[in-house]
PDB file of N, CA and C in Angstrom:
ATOM      1  N   MET A   1      18.060 -28.037 -27.436  1.00  0.00           N
ATOM      2  CA  MET A   1      18.171 -29.349 -27.103  1.00  0.00           C
ATOM      3  C   MET A   1      17.370 -29.699 -25.939  1.00  0.00           C
ATOM      4  N   THR A   2      16.629 -30.875 -25.939  1.00  0.00           N
ATOM      5  CA  THR A   2      15.898 -31.309 -24.859  1.00  0.00           C
ATOM      6  C   THR A   2      16.573 -32.125 -23.792  1.00  0.00           C
ATOM      7  N   GLU A   3      16.122 -31.961 -22.548  1.00  0.00           N
ATOM      8  CA  GLU A   3      16.865 -32.740 -21.497  1.00  0.00           C
ATOM      9  C   GLU A   3      16.347 -34.203 -21.624  1.00  0.00           C
ATOM     10  N   LYS A   4      17.149 -35.136 -21.346  1.00  0.00           N
ATOM     11  CA  LYS A   4      16.878 -36.494 -21.368  1.00  0.00           C
ATOM     12  C   LYS A   4      16.015 -36.861 -20.241  1.00  0.00           C
ATOM     13  N   SER A   5      14.842 -37.474 -20.490  1.00  0.00           N
ATOM     14  CA  SER A   5      13.958 -37.953 -19.422  1.00  0.00           C
ATOM     15  C   SER A   5      14.305 -39.322 -18.834  1.00  0.00           C
ATOM     16  N   ILE A   6      14.021 -39.503 -17.609  1.00  0.00           N
ATOM     17  CA  ILE A   6      14.351 -40.821 -16.934  1.00  0.00           C
ATOM     18  C   ILE A   6      13.043 -41.277 -16.340  1.00  0.00           C
ATOM     19  N   ASN A   7      12.671 -42.613 -16.663  1.00  0.00           N
ATOM     20  CA  ASN A   7      11.557 -43.185 -16.195  1.00  0.00           C
ATOM     21  C   ASN A   7      11.681 -43.524 -14.714  1.00  0.00           C
ATOM     22  N   ILE A   8      10.649 -43.266 -13.881  1.00  0.00           N
ATOM     23  CA  ILE A   8      10.661 -43.713 -12.534  1.00  0.00           C
ATOM     24  C   ILE A   8       9.130 -44.249 -12.219  1.00  0.00           C
ATOM     25  N   SER A   9       9.168 -45.083 -11.149  1.00  0.00           N
ATOM     26  CA  SER A   9       7.941 -45.649 -10.717  1.00  0.00           C
ATOM     27  C   SER A   9       7.497 -45.000  -9.329  1.00  0.00           C
ATOM     28  N   ILE A  10       6.235 -44.703  -9.213  1.00  0.00           N
ATOM     29  CA  ILE A  10       5.594 -44.255  -8.002  1.00  0.00           C
ATOM     30  C   ILE A  10       4.514 -45.008  -7.611  1.00  0.00           C
ATOM     31  N   SER A  11       4.179 -44.889  -6.416  1.00  0.00           N
ATOM     32  CA  SER A  11       2.894 -45.666  -5.899  1.00  0.00           C
ATOM     33  C   SER A  11       1.945 -44.656  -5.385  1.00  0.00           C
ATOM     34  N   VAL A  12       0.668 -44.741  -5.814  1.00  0.00           N
ATOM     35  CA  VAL A  12      -0.409 -43.935  -5.251  1.00  0.00           C
ATOM     36  C   VAL A  12      -1.603 -44.677  -4.850  1.00  0.00           C
ATOM     37  N   PRO A  13      -2.314 -44.316  -3.925  1.00  0.00           N
ATOM     38  CA  PRO A  13      -3.592 -45.010  -3.587  1.00  0.00           C
ATOM     39  C   PRO A  13      -4.484 -45.044  -4.837  1.00  0.00           C
ATOM     40  N   ALA A  14      -5.263 -46.161  -4.890  1.00  0.00           N
ATOM     41  CA  ALA A  14      -6.183 -46.304  -6.093  1.00  0.00           C
ATOM     42  C   ALA A  14      -7.136 -45.182  -6.191  1.00  0.00           C
ATOM     43  N   ALA A  15      -7.618 -44.759  -5.126  1.00  0.00           N
ATOM     44  CA  ALA A  15      -8.672 -43.589  -5.247  1.00  0.00           C
ATOM     45  C   ALA A  15      -8.037 -42.287  -5.736  1.00  0.00           C
ATOM     46  N   MET A  16      -6.748 -42.114  -5.319  1.00  0.00           N
ATOM     47  CA  MET A  16      -6.022 -40.930  -5.743  1.00  0.00           C
ATOM     48  C   MET A  16      -5.668 -41.019  -7.422  1.00  0.00           C
ATOM     49  N   LEU A  17      -5.398 -42.243  -7.717  1.00  0.00           N
ATOM     50  CA  LEU A  17      -5.178 -42.491  -9.122  1.00  0.00           C
ATOM     51  C   LEU A  17      -6.355 -42.284  -9.979  1.00  0.00           C
ATOM     52  N   ALA A  18      -7.531 -42.685  -9.482  1.00  0.00           N
ATOM     53  CA  ALA A  18      -8.747 -42.452 -10.192  1.00  0.00           C
ATOM     54  C   ALA A  18      -9.033 -40.917 -10.388  1.00  0.00           C
ATOM     55  N   GLU A  19      -8.790 -40.127  -9.333  1.00  0.00           N
ATOM     56  CA  GLU A  19      -8.976 -38.783  -9.376  1.00  0.00           C
ATOM     57  C   GLU A  19      -7.965 -38.005 -10.244  1.00  0.00           C
ATOM     58  N   ILE A  20      -6.691 -38.543 -10.309  1.00  0.00           N
ATOM     59  CA  ILE A  20      -5.553 -38.053 -11.156  1.00  0.00           C
ATOM     60  C   ILE A  20      -6.101 -38.371 -12.553  1.00  0.00           C
ATOM     61  N   GLU A  21      -6.556 -39.496 -12.868  1.00  0.00           N
ATOM     62  CA  GLU A  21      -6.903 -39.956 -14.255  1.00  0.00           C
ATOM     63  C   GLU A  21      -8.075 -38.966 -14.724  1.00  0.00           C
ATOM     64  N   GLN A  22      -9.008 -38.724 -13.797  1.00  0.00           N
ATOM     65  CA  GLN A  22     -10.163 -37.881 -14.216  1.00  0.00           C
ATOM     66  C   GLN A  22      -9.697 -36.449 -14.585  1.00  0.00           C
ATOM     67  N   VAL A  23      -8.617 -36.010 -13.751  1.00  0.00           N
ATOM     68  CA  VAL A  23      -8.003 -34.568 -14.079  1.00  0.00           C
ATOM     69  C   VAL A  23      -7.418 -34.712 -15.508  1.00  0.00           C
ATOM     70  N   CYS A  24      -6.579 -35.753 -15.543  1.00  0.00           N
ATOM     71  CA  CYS A  24      -5.803 -35.827 -16.911  1.00  0.00           C
ATOM     72  C   CYS A  24      -6.704 -35.746 -18.074  1.00  0.00           C
ATOM     73  N   ARG A  25      -7.822 -36.641 -17.982  1.00  0.00           N
ATOM     74  CA  ARG A  25      -8.788 -36.676 -19.128  1.00  0.00           C
ATOM     75  C   ARG A  25      -9.381 -35.226 -19.306  1.00  0.00           C
ATOM     76  N   GLY A  26      -9.802 -34.660 -18.215  1.00  0.00           N
ATOM     77  CA  GLY A  26     -10.389 -33.303 -18.412  1.00  0.00           C
ATOM     78  C   GLY A  26      -9.403 -32.164 -18.855  1.00  0.00           C
ATOM     79  N   ASP A  27      -8.219 -32.284 -18.556  1.00  0.00           N
ATOM     80  CA  ASP A  27      -7.083 -31.380 -18.985  1.00  0.00           C
ATOM     81  C   ASP A  27      -6.452 -31.788 -20.267  1.00  0.00           C
ATOM     82  N   HIS A  28      -6.812 -32.911 -20.838  1.00  0.00           N
ATOM     83  CA  HIS A  28      -6.180 -33.644 -22.019  1.00  0.00           C
ATOM     84  C   HIS A  28      -4.653 -33.598 -21.871  1.00  0.00           C
ATOM     85  N   ARG A  29      -4.146 -34.219 -20.744  1.00  0.00           N
ATOM     86  CA  ARG A  29      -2.797 -34.427 -20.567  1.00  0.00           C
ATOM     87  C   ARG A  29      -2.604 -35.862 -20.118  1.00  0.00           C
ATOM     88  N   THR A  30      -1.333 -36.275 -20.293  1.00  0.00           N
ATOM     89  CA  THR A  30      -0.856 -37.571 -19.829  1.00  0.00           C
ATOM     90  C   THR A  30      -0.514 -37.602 -18.311  1.00  0.00           C
ATOM     91  N   ARG A  31      -0.374 -38.734 -17.772  1.00  0.00           N
ATOM     92  CA  ARG A  31       0.001 -38.934 -16.444  1.00  0.00           C
ATOM     93  C   ARG A  31       1.354 -38.130 -16.108  1.00  0.00           C
ATOM     94  N   SER A  32       2.110 -38.506 -16.999  1.00  0.00           N
ATOM     95  CA  SER A  32       3.626 -37.839 -16.987  1.00  0.00           C
ATOM     96  C   SER A  32       3.461 -36.428 -16.908  1.00  0.00           C
ATOM     97  N   GLU A  33       2.671 -35.834 -17.839  1.00  0.00           N
ATOM     98  CA  GLU A  33       2.607 -34.414 -17.676  1.00  0.00           C
ATOM     99  C   GLU A  33       2.041 -33.820 -16.405  1.00  0.00           C
ATOM    100  N   PHE A  34       1.092 -34.629 -15.892  1.00  0.00           N
ATOM    101  CA  PHE A  34       0.508 -34.207 -14.652  1.00  0.00           C
ATOM    102  C   PHE A  34       1.498 -34.288 -13.396  1.00  0.00           C
ATOM    103  N   PHE A  35       2.290 -35.287 -13.375  1.00  0.00           N
ATOM    104  CA  PHE A  35       3.190 -35.446 -12.266  1.00  0.00           C
ATOM    105  C   PHE A  35       4.397 -34.496 -12.531  1.00  0.00           C
ATOM    106  N   ARG A  36       4.849 -34.106 -13.728  1.00  0.00           N
ATOM    107  CA  ARG A  36       5.854 -33.136 -13.898  1.00  0.00           C
ATOM    108  C   ARG A  36       5.307 -31.807 -13.467  1.00  0.00           C
ATOM    109  N   GLU A  37       4.063 -31.460 -13.846  1.00  0.00           N
ATOM    110  CA  GLU A  37       3.552 -30.175 -13.377  1.00  0.00           C
ATOM    111  C   GLU A  37       3.403 -30.169 -11.830  1.00  0.00           C
ATOM    112  N   ALA A  38       3.028 -31.220 -11.191  1.00  0.00           N
ATOM    113  CA  ALA A  38       2.926 -31.218  -9.748  1.00  0.00           C
ATOM    114  C   ALA A  38       4.189 -31.185  -9.108  1.00  0.00           C
ATOM    115  N   ALA A  39       5.266 -31.723  -9.681  1.00  0.00           N
ATOM    116  CA  ALA A  39       6.684 -31.606  -9.115  1.00  0.00           C
ATOM    117  C   ALA A  39       7.164 -30.209  -9.259  1.00  0.00           C
ATOM    118  N   ARG A  40       6.946 -29.578 -10.490  1.00  0.00           N
ATOM    119  CA  ARG A  40       7.359 -28.271 -10.799  1.00  0.00           C
ATOM    120  C   ARG A  40       6.801 -27.236  -9.782  1.00  0.00           C
ATOM    121  N   TYR A  41       5.464 -27.475  -9.550  1.00  0.00           N
ATOM    122  CA  TYR A  41       4.619 -26.543  -8.530  1.00  0.00           C
ATOM    123  C   TYR A  41       5.212 -26.753  -7.191  1.00  0.00           C
ATOM    124  N   TYR A  42       5.495 -27.948  -6.753  1.00  0.00           N
ATOM    125  CA  TYR A  42       5.986 -28.260  -5.351  1.00  0.00           C
ATOM    126  C   TYR A  42       7.238 -27.612  -5.308  1.00  0.00           C
ATOM    127  N   LEU A  43       8.302 -27.801  -6.177  1.00  0.00           N
ATOM    128  CA  LEU A  43       9.729 -27.128  -6.009  1.00  0.00           C
ATOM    129  C   LEU A  43       9.511 -25.743  -6.034  1.00  0.00           C
ATOM    130  N   TYR A  44       8.658 -25.183  -6.966  1.00  0.00           N
ATOM    131  CA  TYR A  44       8.501 -23.626  -6.983  1.00  0.00           C
ATOM    132  C   TYR A  44       8.086 -23.173  -5.609  1.00  0.00           C
ATOM    133  N   ARG A  45       7.066 -23.778  -5.090  1.00  0.00           N
ATOM    134  CA  ARG A  45       6.561 -23.296  -3.744  1.00  0.00           C
ATOM    135  C   ARG A  45       7.568 -23.390  -2.682  1.00  0.00           C
ATOM    136  N   ARG A  46       8.431 -24.311  -2.597  1.00  0.00           N
ATOM    137  CA  ARG A  46       9.463 -24.486  -1.570  1.00  0.00           C
ATOM    138  C   ARG A  46      10.465 -23.399  -1.722  1.00  0.00           C
ATOM    139  N   ARG A  47      10.543 -22.748  -2.969  1.00  0.00           N
ATOM    140  CA  ARG A  47      11.658 -21.657  -3.064  1.00  0.00           C
ATOM    141  C   ARG A  47      11.056 -20.287  -2.745  1.00  0.00           C
ATOM    142  N   LEU A  48       9.771 -20.185  -2.358  1.00  0.00           N
ATOM    143  CA  LEU A  48       9.093 -18.845  -2.232  1.00  0.00           C
ATOM    144  C   LEU A  48       9.428 -18.467  -0.730  1.00  0.00           C
ATOM    145  N   PRO A  49       9.786 -17.338  -0.572  1.00  0.00           N
ATOM    146  CA  PRO A  49      10.120 -16.846   0.884  1.00  0.00           C
ATOM    147  C   PRO A  49       8.774 -16.629   1.702  1.00  0.00           C
ATOM    148  N   GLY A  50       8.850 -16.731   2.874  1.00  0.00           N
ATOM    149  CA  GLY A  50       7.700 -16.419   3.783  1.00  0.00           C
ATOM    150  C   GLY A  50       6.521 -17.343   3.638  1.00  0.00           C
ATOM    151  N   ASP A  51       6.808 -18.560   3.197  1.00  0.00           N
ATOM    152  CA  ASP A  51       5.794 -19.578   3.050  1.00  0.00           C
ATOM    153  C   ASP A  51       5.128 -19.986   4.346  1.00  0.00           C
ATOM    154  N   TYR A  52       5.792 -19.805   5.441  1.00  0.00           N
ATOM    155  CA  TYR A  52       5.365 -20.224   6.800  1.00  0.00           C
ATOM    156  C   TYR A  52       5.282 -19.046   7.632  1.00  0.00           C
ATOM    157  N   ALA A  53       4.240 -19.115   8.626  1.00  0.00           N
ATOM    158  CA  ALA A  53       4.284 -17.989   9.560  1.00  0.00           C
ATOM    159  C   ALA A  53       5.431 -18.082  10.533  1.00  0.00           C
ATOM    160  N   THR A  54       5.849 -16.838  10.942  1.00  0.00           N
ATOM    161  CA  THR A  54       6.961 -16.712  11.958  1.00  0.00           C
ATOM    162  C   THR A  54       6.347 -17.098  13.332  1.00  0.00           C
ATOM    163  N   PRO A  55       7.080 -17.397  14.392  1.00  0.00           N
ATOM    164  CA  PRO A  55       6.593 -17.629  15.618  1.00  0.00           C
ATOM    165  C   PRO A  55       5.827 -16.335  16.249  1.00  0.00           C
ATOM    166  N   GLU A  56       6.276 -15.161  15.827  1.00  0.00           N
ATOM    167  CA  GLU A  56       5.693 -13.972  16.188  1.00  0.00           C
ATOM    168  C   GLU A  56       4.229 -13.904  15.520  1.00  0.00           C
ATOM    169  N   GLU A  57       4.136 -14.219  14.238  1.00  0.00           N
ATOM    170  CA  GLU A  57       2.864 -14.219  13.617  1.00  0.00           C
ATOM    171  C   GLU A  57       1.927 -15.087  14.146  1.00  0.00           C
ATOM    172  N   LEU A  58       2.347 -16.392  14.468  1.00  0.00           N
ATOM    173  CA  LEU A  58       1.636 -17.476  15.167  1.00  0.00           C
ATOM    174  C   LEU A  58       1.015 -16.943  16.507  1.00  0.00           C
ATOM    175  N   ALA A  59       1.880 -16.265  17.247  1.00  0.00           N
ATOM    176  CA  ALA A  59       1.545 -15.794  18.542  1.00  0.00           C
ATOM    177  C   ALA A  59       0.451 -14.642  18.380  1.00  0.00           C
ATOM    178  N   ALA A  60       0.604 -13.793  17.390  1.00  0.00           N
ATOM    179  CA  ALA A  60      -0.388 -12.715  17.162  1.00  0.00           C
ATOM    180  C   ALA A  60      -1.735 -13.324  16.738  1.00  0.00           C
ATOM    181  N   LEU A  61      -1.725 -14.359  15.909  1.00  0.00           N
ATOM    182  CA  LEU A  61      -2.959 -15.023  15.543  1.00  0.00           C
ATOM    183  C   LEU A  61      -3.668 -15.780  16.740  1.00  0.00           C
ATOM    184  N   GLU A  62      -2.913 -16.302  17.591  1.00  0.00           N
ATOM    185  CA  GLU A  62      -3.522 -16.939  18.793  1.00  0.00           C
ATOM    186  C   GLU A  62      -4.068 -15.813  19.769  1.00  0.00           C
ATOM    187  N   ARG A  63      -3.386 -14.728  19.903  1.00  0.00           N
ATOM    188  CA  ARG A  63      -3.952 -13.662  20.722  1.00  0.00           C
ATOM    189  C   ARG A  63      -5.229 -13.133  20.109  1.00  0.00           C
ATOM    190  N   GLY A  64      -5.266 -13.040  18.795  1.00  0.00           N
ATOM    191  CA  GLY A  64      -6.490 -12.540  18.177  1.00  0.00           C
ATOM    192  C   GLY A  64      -7.619 -13.605  18.379  1.00  0.00           C
ATOM    193  N   ARG A  65      -7.324 -14.814  18.260  1.00  0.00           N
ATOM    194  CA  ARG A  65      -8.384 -15.754  18.516  1.00  0.00           C
ATOM    195  C   ARG A  65      -8.868 -15.782  19.877  1.00  0.00           C
ATOM    196  N   ARG A  66      -7.986 -15.545  20.844  1.00  0.00           N
ATOM    197  CA  ARG A  66      -8.436 -15.438  22.333  1.00  0.00           C
ATOM    198  C   ARG A  66      -9.366 -14.277  22.548  1.00  0.00           C
ATOM    199  N   GLU A  67      -8.949 -13.149  21.911  1.00  0.00           N
ATOM    200  CA  GLU A  67      -9.819 -11.891  21.947  1.00  0.00           C
ATOM    201  C   GLU A  67     -11.165 -12.106  21.328  1.00  0.00           C
ATOM    202  N   ILE A  68     -11.224 -12.853  20.192  1.00  0.00           N
ATOM    203  CA  ILE A  68     -12.538 -13.124  19.570  1.00  0.00           C
ATOM    204  C   ILE A  68     -13.442 -13.899  20.451  1.00  0.00           C
ATOM    205  N   ALA A  69     -12.769 -14.929  21.024  1.00  0.00           N
ATOM    206  CA  ALA A  69     -13.564 -15.936  22.041  1.00  0.00           C
ATOM    207  C   ALA A  69     -14.026 -15.135  23.146  1.00  0.00           C
ATOM    208  N   ARG A  70     -13.336 -14.050  23.673  1.00  0.00           N
ATOM    209  CA  ARG A  70     -13.877 -13.279  24.843  1.00  0.00           C
ATOM    210  C   ARG A  70     -14.866 -12.257  24.308  1.00  0.00           C
ATOM    211  N   GLY A  71     -15.049 -12.084  23.031  1.00  0.00           N
ATOM    212  CA  GLY A  71     -15.946 -11.129  22.523  1.00  0.00           C
ATOM    213  C   GLY A  71     -15.359  -9.808  22.258  1.00  0.00           C
ATOM    214  N   GLN A  72     -14.043  -9.650  22.349  1.00  0.00           N
ATOM    215  CA  GLN A  72     -13.291  -8.409  22.122  1.00  0.00           C
ATOM    216  C   GLN A  72     -13.008  -8.154  20.593  1.00  0.00           C
ATOM    217  N   TYR A  73     -14.116  -7.880  19.929  1.00  0.00           N
ATOM    218  CA  TYR A  73     -13.801  -7.557  18.476  1.00  0.00           C
ATOM    219  C   TYR A  73     -14.822  -6.484  18.061  1.00  0.00           C
ATOM    220  N   ALA A  74     -14.571  -5.924  16.909  1.00  0.00           N
ATOM    221  CA  ALA A  74     -15.622  -4.956  16.277  1.00  0.00           C
ATOM    222  C   ALA A  74     -16.054  -5.507  14.989  1.00  0.00           C
ATOM    223  N   THR A  75     -17.345  -5.299  14.721  1.00  0.00           N
ATOM    224  CA  THR A  75     -17.795  -5.723  13.393  1.00  0.00           C
ATOM    225  C   THR A  75     -17.475  -4.696  12.343  1.00  0.00           C
ATOM    226  N   LEU A  76     -17.549  -4.906  11.107  1.00  0.00           N
ATOM    227  CA  LEU A  76     -17.296  -4.196   9.977  1.00  0.00           C
ATOM    228  C   LEU A  76     -18.180  -2.987  10.104  1.00  0.00           C
ATOM    229  N   ALA A  77     -19.554  -3.165  10.356  1.00  0.00           N
ATOM    230  CA  ALA A  77     -20.402  -1.965  10.446  1.00  0.00           C
ATOM    231  C   ALA A  77     -19.934  -0.985  11.636  1.00  0.00           C
ATOM    232  N   GLU A  78     -19.423  -1.593  12.684  1.00  0.00           N
ATOM    233  CA  GLU A  78     -19.018  -0.630  13.774  1.00  0.00           C
ATOM    234  C   GLU A  78     -17.675   0.072  13.359  1.00  0.00           C
ATOM    235  N   VAL A  79     -16.775  -0.432  12.791  1.00  0.00           N
ATOM    236  CA  VAL A  79     -15.490   0.060  12.326  1.00  0.00           C
ATOM    237  C   VAL A  79     -15.943   1.189  11.175  1.00  0.00           C
ATOM    238  N   ALA A  80     -16.804   0.816  10.332  1.00  0.00           N
ATOM    239  CA  ALA A  80     -17.197   1.780   9.213  1.00  0.00           C
ATOM    240  C   ALA A  80     -17.902   3.022   9.860  1.00  0.00           C
ATOM    241  N   ALA A  81     -18.655   2.749  10.828  1.00  0.00           N
ATOM    242  CA  ALA A  81     -19.427   3.814  11.488  1.00  0.00           C
ATOM    243  C   ALA A  81     -18.457   4.788  12.179  1.00  0.00           C
ATOM    244  N   GLU A  82     -17.531   4.287  12.662  1.00  0.00           N
ATOM    245  CA  GLU A  82     -16.425   5.145  13.365  1.00  0.00           C
ATOM    246  C   GLU A  82     -15.775   6.123  12.296  1.00  0.00           C
ATOM    247  N   PHE A  83     -15.878   5.650  11.163  1.00  0.00           N
ATOM    248  CA  PHE A  83     -15.239   6.624  10.058  1.00  0.00           C
ATOM    249  C   PHE A  83     -16.322   7.248   9.266  1.00  0.00           C
ATOM    250  N   GLY A  84     -17.525   7.151   9.717  1.00  0.00           N
ATOM    251  CA  GLY A  84     -18.656   7.797   9.035  1.00  0.00           C
ATOM    252  C   GLY A  84     -19.212   7.237   7.718  1.00  0.00           C
ATOM    253  N   TYR A  85     -19.042   5.906   7.689  1.00  0.00           N
ATOM    254  CA  TYR A  85     -19.397   5.250   6.501  1.00  0.00           C
ATOM    255  C   TYR A  85     -20.476   4.166   6.906  1.00  0.00           C
ATOM    256  N   ASP A  86     -21.627   4.161   6.119  1.00  0.00           N
ATOM    257  CA  ASP A  86     -22.566   3.299   6.474  1.00  0.00           C
ATOM    258  C   ASP A  86     -22.582   2.011   5.559  1.00  0.00           C
ATOM    259  N   VAL A  87     -22.097   0.868   5.920  1.00  0.00           N
ATOM    260  CA  VAL A  87     -21.956  -0.201   5.015  1.00  0.00           C
ATOM    261  C   VAL A  87     -23.285  -0.765   4.564  1.00  0.00           C
ATOM    262  N   ALA A  88     -24.322  -0.451   5.343  1.00  0.00           N
ATOM    263  CA  ALA A  88     -25.635  -0.978   4.813  1.00  0.00           C
ATOM    264  C   ALA A  88     -26.327  -0.065   4.007  1.00  0.00           C
ATOM    265  N   ALA A  89     -25.929   1.100   3.666  1.00  0.00           N
ATOM    266  CA  ALA A  89     -26.544   2.088   2.993  1.00  0.00           C
ATOM    267  C   ALA A  89     -26.978   1.610   1.539  1.00  0.00           C
ATOM    268  N   LYS A  90     -28.181   1.753   1.157  1.00  0.00           N
ATOM    269  CA  LYS A  90     -28.659   1.238  -0.142  1.00  0.00           C
ATOM    270  C   LYS A  90     -28.484   2.491  -1.240  1.00  0.00           C
ATOM    271  N   ASP A  91     -28.177   3.607  -0.787  1.00  0.00           N
ATOM    272  CA  ASP A  91     -28.128   4.742  -1.746  1.00  0.00           C
ATOM    273  C   ASP A  91     -26.636   5.048  -2.173  1.00  0.00           C
ATOM    274  N   ARG A  92     -25.716   4.119  -1.916  1.00  0.00           N
ATOM    275  CA  ARG A  92     -24.296   4.367  -2.242  1.00  0.00           C
ATOM    276  C   ARG A  92     -24.261   4.455  -3.785  1.00  0.00           C
ATOM    277  N   PRO A  93     -23.429   5.219  -4.301  1.00  0.00           N
ATOM    278  CA  PRO A  93     -23.257   5.341  -5.833  1.00  0.00           C
ATOM    279  C   PRO A  93     -22.760   3.976  -6.306  1.00  0.00           C
ATOM    280  N   LYS A  94     -23.265   3.606  -7.351  1.00  0.00           N
ATOM    281  CA  LYS A  94     -22.976   2.337  -7.974  1.00  0.00           C
ATOM    282  C   LYS A  94     -21.649   2.512  -8.826  1.00  0.00           C
ATOM    283  N   ARG A  95     -20.818   1.501  -8.675  1.00  0.00           N
ATOM    284  CA  ARG A  95     -19.651   1.610  -9.364  1.00  0.00           C
ATOM    285  C   ARG A  95     -19.804   0.951 -10.844  1.00  0.00           C
ATOM    286  N   ARG A  96     -19.184   1.749 -11.736  1.00  0.00           N
ATOM    287  CA  ARG A  96     -19.277   1.424 -13.101  1.00  0.00           C
ATOM    288  C   ARG A  96     -18.366   0.266 -13.475  1.00  0.00           C
ATOM    289  N   LYS A  97     -18.773  -0.638 -14.397  1.00  0.00           N
ATOM    290  CA  LYS A  97     -17.837  -1.587 -14.834  1.00  0.00           C
ATOM    291  C   LYS A  97     -16.775  -1.121 -15.695  1.00  0.00           C
ATOM    292  N   LYS A  98     -15.554  -1.543 -15.482  1.00  0.00           N
ATOM    293  CA  LYS A  98     -14.435  -1.112 -16.330  1.00  0.00           C
ATOM    294  C   LYS A  98     -14.548  -1.976 -17.571  1.00  0.00           C
ATOM    295  N   SER A  99     -14.195  -1.251 -18.735  1.00  0.00           N
ATOM    296  CA  SER A  99     -14.104  -1.974 -20.006  1.00  0.00           C
ATOM    297  C   SER A  99     -12.901  -2.813 -20.047  1.00  0.00           C
ATOM    298  N   PRO A 100     -12.906  -4.004 -20.697  1.00  0.00           N
ATOM    299  CA  PRO A 100     -11.724  -4.885 -20.663  1.00  0.00           C
ATOM    300  C   PRO A 100     -10.619  -4.274 -21.402  1.00  0.00           C
TER     301      PRO A 100
END
């Protein structure tokens, strides 16, 4: 049994509607389908844990940005060299593509 649908009205800026219409044409879907999918996605994202950085994570990011601004960082080549790996080496063995 399908759930009963209820009609609602929403307002969007004209430019946004034009973009929505373009997406709907490209995806072969109606406006209703577009907005139902957008609402499902929004509701799903709200239920995910860890969607936002904790205060500790934000503080760590800010410390990292300050260190970079002071020039306190290492390049990939420097870190790789510390472990004996040359990221610029042209003679690295080529990886084979995996079959599908």
